[in-house]
Amino acid sequence: MAFIKLDNIIVNTNFVAAVRLEGRNQAGEESVSLLIAIPAVTFSPLETTPNSSYQYEWLEFTGASARALKDYFSSFNNVLDLLPPRHHCNHLCGE
């Protein structure tokens, strides 16, 4: 489990469901978005164990926060890149 701090928001990376590295908000600024899984635990009077499900919410970051997130999620230390960028695939894919 890791935590990342962006301005006044701290995110537990265990709950990051997806990251959109390339994007633009309505003002045209470059942005990075995180899809956060929010646990919604419900208890039924007949159940002895809680039933966990998730709600999802996109958080959008711009400016320095977006650049920091892009660097973090582009780092080979933090994310395993299964498909190399297209320009690196040319010699690997025989194209």
N, C-alpha and C. Protein backbone atom coordinates (compact mmCIF):
# COMPACT_ATOMS: atom_id res chain seq x y z
N MET A 1 0.84 -1.16 0.00
CA MET A 1 0.00 0.00 0.00
C MET A 1 0.89 1.23 0.00
N ALA A 2 0.54 2.19 -0.83
CA ALA A 2 1.27 3.45 -0.90
C ALA A 2 0.27 4.60 -0.87
N PHE A 3 0.73 5.71 -0.36
CA PHE A 3 -0.08 6.93 -0.35
C PHE A 3 0.63 7.97 -1.19
N ILE A 4 -0.15 8.74 -1.96
CA ILE A 4 0.42 9.87 -2.70
C ILE A 4 -0.33 11.12 -2.28
N LYS A 5 0.42 12.22 -2.11
CA LYS A 5 -0.16 13.49 -1.68
C LYS A 5 -0.10 14.48 -2.83
N LEU A 6 -1.24 15.06 -3.13
CA LEU A 6 -1.36 16.08 -4.17
C LEU A 6 -2.10 17.27 -3.58
N ASP A 7 -1.39 18.36 -3.40
CA ASP A 7 -1.97 19.53 -2.74
C ASP A 7 -2.51 19.09 -1.38
N ASN A 8 -3.82 19.21 -1.17
CA ASN A 8 -4.40 18.84 0.12
C ASN A 8 -5.16 17.51 0.05
N ILE A 9 -4.87 16.69 -0.95
CA ILE A 9 -5.52 15.39 -1.12
C ILE A 9 -4.48 14.28 -0.98
N ILE A 10 -4.80 13.28 -0.17
CA ILE A 10 -3.94 12.11 -0.03
C ILE A 10 -4.74 10.92 -0.55
N VAL A 11 -4.13 10.18 -1.48
CA VAL A 11 -4.80 9.06 -2.13
C VAL A 11 -4.09 7.76 -1.77
N ASN A 12 -4.87 6.78 -1.33
CA ASN A 12 -4.35 5.43 -1.10
C ASN A 12 -4.33 4.76 -2.47
N THR A 13 -3.16 4.39 -2.95
CA THR A 13 -3.05 3.83 -4.30
C THR A 13 -3.74 2.49 -4.44
N ASN A 14 -4.09 1.82 -3.34
CA ASN A 14 -4.86 0.58 -3.43
C ASN A 14 -6.24 0.81 -4.04
N PHE A 15 -6.74 2.04 -3.97
CA PHE A 15 -8.08 2.34 -4.46
C PHE A 15 -8.08 3.05 -5.80
N VAL A 16 -6.92 3.17 -6.44
CA VAL A 16 -6.86 3.75 -7.79
C VAL A 16 -7.21 2.63 -8.77
N ALA A 17 -8.35 2.79 -9.43
CA ALA A 17 -8.83 1.76 -10.36
C ALA A 17 -8.29 1.98 -11.76
N ALA A 18 -8.07 3.24 -12.14
CA ALA A 18 -7.57 3.56 -13.48
C ALA A 18 -6.96 4.96 -13.45
N VAL A 19 -6.05 5.20 -14.39
CA VAL A 19 -5.41 6.50 -14.53
C VAL A 19 -5.49 6.91 -15.99
N ARG A 20 -5.97 8.11 -16.25
CA ARG A 20 -5.99 8.67 -17.60
C ARG A 20 -4.89 9.72 -17.65
N LEU A 21 -3.74 9.35 -18.28
CA LEU A 21 -2.57 10.22 -18.28
C LEU A 21 -2.70 11.40 -19.23
N GLU A 22 -3.38 11.22 -20.33
CA GLU A 22 -3.50 12.28 -21.33
C GLU A 22 -4.94 12.76 -21.36
N GLY A 23 -5.14 14.02 -21.11
CA GLY A 23 -6.48 14.56 -21.18
C GLY A 23 -6.45 16.07 -21.14
N ARG A 24 -7.60 16.66 -21.41
CA ARG A 24 -7.77 18.11 -21.32
C ARG A 24 -9.10 18.38 -20.65
N ASN A 25 -9.11 19.37 -19.76
CA ASN A 25 -10.37 19.73 -19.13
C ASN A 25 -11.12 20.71 -20.03
N GLN A 26 -12.26 21.22 -19.56
CA GLN A 26 -13.08 22.11 -20.38
C GLN A 26 -12.40 23.43 -20.69
N ALA A 27 -11.45 23.84 -19.86
CA ALA A 27 -10.70 25.07 -20.10
C ALA A 27 -9.53 24.85 -21.06
N GLY A 28 -9.32 23.60 -21.50
CA GLY A 28 -8.25 23.30 -22.43
C GLY A 28 -6.91 23.01 -21.77
N GLU A 29 -6.87 22.96 -20.43
CA GLU A 29 -5.64 22.67 -19.72
C GLU A 29 -5.36 21.16 -19.76
N GLU A 30 -4.07 20.81 -19.84
CA GLU A 30 -3.71 19.40 -19.76
C GLU A 30 -4.09 18.88 -18.38
N SER A 31 -4.61 17.66 -18.35
CA SER A 31 -5.05 17.10 -17.07
C SER A 31 -4.71 15.61 -16.99
N VAL A 32 -4.66 15.12 -15.76
CA VAL A 32 -4.51 13.71 -15.47
C VAL A 32 -5.67 13.36 -14.55
N SER A 33 -6.34 12.25 -14.83
CA SER A 33 -7.50 11.86 -14.03
C SER A 33 -7.28 10.50 -13.39
N LEU A 34 -7.74 10.38 -12.15
CA LEU A 34 -7.69 9.11 -11.42
C LEU A 34 -9.11 8.62 -11.20
N LEU A 35 -9.36 7.36 -11.49
CA LEU A 35 -10.63 6.74 -11.15
C LEU A 35 -10.44 6.07 -9.80
N ILE A 36 -11.15 6.57 -8.80
CA ILE A 36 -10.99 6.08 -7.44
C ILE A 36 -12.15 5.15 -7.10
N ALA A 37 -11.82 3.98 -6.55
CA ALA A 37 -12.83 3.03 -6.08
C ALA A 37 -13.11 3.34 -4.61
N ILE A 38 -14.35 3.70 -4.32
CA ILE A 38 -14.74 4.06 -2.96
C ILE A 38 -15.53 2.89 -2.37
N PRO A 39 -14.99 2.25 -1.33
CA PRO A 39 -15.70 1.11 -0.75
C PRO A 39 -17.04 1.54 -0.17
N ALA A 40 -18.08 0.80 -0.48
CA ALA A 40 -19.41 1.03 0.07
C ALA A 40 -19.81 -0.25 0.79
N VAL A 41 -19.62 -0.29 2.08
CA VAL A 41 -19.89 -1.49 2.86
C VAL A 41 -21.34 -1.44 3.33
N THR A 42 -22.06 -2.51 3.06
CA THR A 42 -23.45 -2.59 3.51
C THR A 42 -23.63 -3.79 4.43
N PHE A 43 -24.47 -3.64 5.41
CA PHE A 43 -24.76 -4.71 6.34
C PHE A 43 -26.23 -5.08 6.21
N SER A 44 -26.48 -6.35 6.10
CA SER A 44 -27.84 -6.88 6.10
C SER A 44 -28.07 -7.51 7.47
N PRO A 45 -29.24 -7.31 8.05
CA PRO A 45 -29.49 -7.91 9.37
C PRO A 45 -29.34 -9.43 9.38
N LEU A 46 -29.49 -10.08 8.23
CA LEU A 46 -29.40 -11.53 8.17
C LEU A 46 -27.98 -12.03 7.91
N GLU A 47 -27.08 -11.12 7.51
CA GLU A 47 -25.70 -11.50 7.20
C GLU A 47 -24.79 -11.26 8.39
N THR A 48 -23.82 -12.16 8.56
CA THR A 48 -22.85 -11.98 9.64
C THR A 48 -21.59 -11.27 9.16
N THR A 49 -21.39 -11.22 7.83
CA THR A 49 -20.23 -10.52 7.28
C THR A 49 -20.72 -9.40 6.37
N PRO A 50 -20.00 -8.29 6.35
CA PRO A 50 -20.41 -7.17 5.50
C PRO A 50 -20.26 -7.51 4.01
N ASN A 51 -21.11 -6.93 3.20
CA ASN A 51 -21.06 -7.11 1.75
C ASN A 51 -20.39 -5.87 1.16
N SER A 52 -19.21 -6.03 0.57
CA SER A 52 -18.47 -4.89 0.03
C SER A 52 -18.73 -4.72 -1.46
N SER A 53 -18.99 -3.51 -1.83
CA SER A 53 -19.07 -3.14 -3.24
C SER A 53 -18.37 -1.79 -3.36
N TYR A 54 -18.20 -1.34 -4.57
CA TYR A 54 -17.47 -0.09 -4.78
C TYR A 54 -18.29 0.89 -5.60
N GLN A 55 -18.11 2.16 -5.30
CA GLN A 55 -18.60 3.25 -6.13
C GLN A 55 -17.34 3.87 -6.72
N TYR A 56 -17.46 4.42 -7.92
CA TYR A 56 -16.28 4.96 -8.60
C TYR A 56 -16.47 6.45 -8.88
N GLU A 57 -15.39 7.19 -8.73
CA GLU A 57 -15.42 8.63 -8.97
C GLU A 57 -14.12 9.07 -9.63
N TRP A 58 -14.23 9.88 -10.69
CA TRP A 58 -13.05 10.43 -11.35
C TRP A 58 -12.62 11.69 -10.62
N LEU A 59 -11.32 11.79 -10.33
CA LEU A 59 -10.71 13.00 -9.80
C LEU A 59 -9.78 13.54 -10.87
N GLU A 60 -9.93 14.81 -11.21
CA GLU A 60 -9.12 15.42 -12.27
C GLU A 60 -8.13 16.40 -11.67
N PHE A 61 -6.88 16.34 -12.14
CA PHE A 61 -5.83 17.22 -11.66
C PHE A 61 -5.20 17.95 -12.83
N THR A 62 -4.83 19.21 -12.62
CA THR A 62 -4.17 20.02 -13.65
C THR A 62 -2.91 20.64 -13.05
N GLY A 63 -2.15 21.31 -13.90
CA GLY A 63 -0.97 22.03 -13.44
C GLY A 63 0.10 21.12 -12.87
N ALA A 64 0.72 21.58 -11.77
CA ALA A 64 1.82 20.84 -11.16
C ALA A 64 1.36 19.47 -10.66
N SER A 65 0.14 19.38 -10.16
CA SER A 65 -0.39 18.09 -9.68
C SER A 65 -0.49 17.09 -10.83
N ALA A 66 -0.96 17.55 -11.99
CA ALA A 66 -1.07 16.66 -13.15
C ALA A 66 0.31 16.19 -13.59
N ARG A 67 1.27 17.09 -13.61
CA ARG A 67 2.64 16.71 -14.01
C ARG A 67 3.23 15.70 -13.03
N ALA A 68 3.00 15.91 -11.73
CA ALA A 68 3.52 14.98 -10.72
C ALA A 68 2.88 13.60 -10.87
N LEU A 69 1.57 13.56 -11.11
CA LEU A 69 0.88 12.28 -11.31
C LEU A 69 1.37 11.57 -12.56
N LYS A 70 1.55 12.33 -13.63
CA LYS A 70 2.04 11.74 -14.88
C LYS A 70 3.42 11.14 -14.68
N ASP A 71 4.29 11.84 -13.97
CA ASP A 71 5.63 11.33 -13.67
C ASP A 71 5.54 10.06 -12.82
N TYR A 72 4.69 10.10 -11.79
CA TYR A 72 4.56 8.96 -10.87
C TYR A 72 4.06 7.73 -11.62
N PHE A 73 2.98 7.86 -12.39
CA PHE A 73 2.39 6.71 -13.05
C PHE A 73 3.09 6.34 -14.36
N SER A 74 4.09 7.12 -14.77
CA SER A 74 4.90 6.77 -15.93
C SER A 74 6.22 6.13 -15.52
N SER A 75 6.52 6.12 -14.24
CA SER A 75 7.78 5.59 -13.74
C SER A 75 7.77 4.07 -13.72
N PHE A 76 8.83 3.47 -14.23
CA PHE A 76 8.94 2.01 -14.20
C PHE A 76 9.04 1.50 -12.77
N ASN A 77 9.37 2.35 -11.81
CA ASN A 77 9.41 1.93 -10.41
C ASN A 77 8.01 1.75 -9.82
N ASN A 78 7.01 2.40 -10.42
CA ASN A 78 5.66 2.38 -9.87
C ASN A 78 4.67 1.59 -10.72
N VAL A 79 4.91 1.54 -12.03
CA VAL A 79 3.95 0.90 -12.95
C VAL A 79 4.71 0.05 -13.95
N LEU A 80 4.28 -1.17 -14.12
CA LEU A 80 4.86 -2.07 -15.10
C LEU A 80 4.21 -1.79 -16.45
N ASP A 81 4.98 -1.42 -17.44
CA ASP A 81 4.48 -1.10 -18.78
C ASP A 81 4.47 -2.38 -19.61
N LEU A 82 3.29 -2.92 -19.86
CA LEU A 82 3.18 -4.18 -20.60
C LEU A 82 3.31 -3.99 -22.10
N LEU A 83 2.88 -2.84 -22.59
CA LEU A 83 2.98 -2.56 -24.03
C LEU A 83 3.84 -1.32 -24.21
N PRO A 84 4.99 -1.47 -24.83
CA PRO A 84 5.85 -0.30 -25.02
C PRO A 84 5.18 0.71 -25.96
N PRO A 85 5.57 1.97 -25.89
CA PRO A 85 5.02 2.96 -26.81
C PRO A 85 5.20 2.51 -28.26
N ARG A 86 4.34 2.95 -29.12
CA ARG A 86 4.31 2.52 -30.53
C ARG A 86 5.66 2.71 -31.22
N HIS A 87 6.34 3.83 -30.97
CA HIS A 87 7.61 4.06 -31.65
C HIS A 87 8.70 3.07 -31.22
N HIS A 88 8.55 2.43 -30.06
CA HIS A 88 9.51 1.42 -29.64
C HIS A 88 9.15 0.05 -30.19
N CYS A 89 7.91 -0.12 -30.61
CA CYS A 89 7.44 -1.44 -31.05
C CYS A 89 7.87 -1.76 -32.48
N ASN A 90 8.25 -0.77 -33.25
CA ASN A 90 8.56 -1.00 -34.67
C ASN A 90 9.59 -2.11 -34.87
N HIS A 91 10.69 -2.04 -34.14
CA HIS A 91 11.72 -3.07 -34.33
C HIS A 91 11.35 -4.39 -33.63
N LEU A 92 10.53 -4.33 -32.58
CA LEU A 92 10.11 -5.53 -31.88
C LEU A 92 9.01 -6.28 -32.62
N CYS A 93 8.15 -5.51 -33.31
CA CYS A 93 6.98 -6.11 -33.95
C CYS A 93 7.25 -6.45 -35.41
N GLY A 94 8.45 -6.16 -35.89
CA GLY A 94 8.78 -6.48 -37.27
C GLY A 94 8.15 -5.55 -38.29
N GLU A 95 7.80 -4.35 -37.83
CA GLU A 95 7.18 -3.37 -38.76
C GLU A 95 8.19 -2.41 -39.28
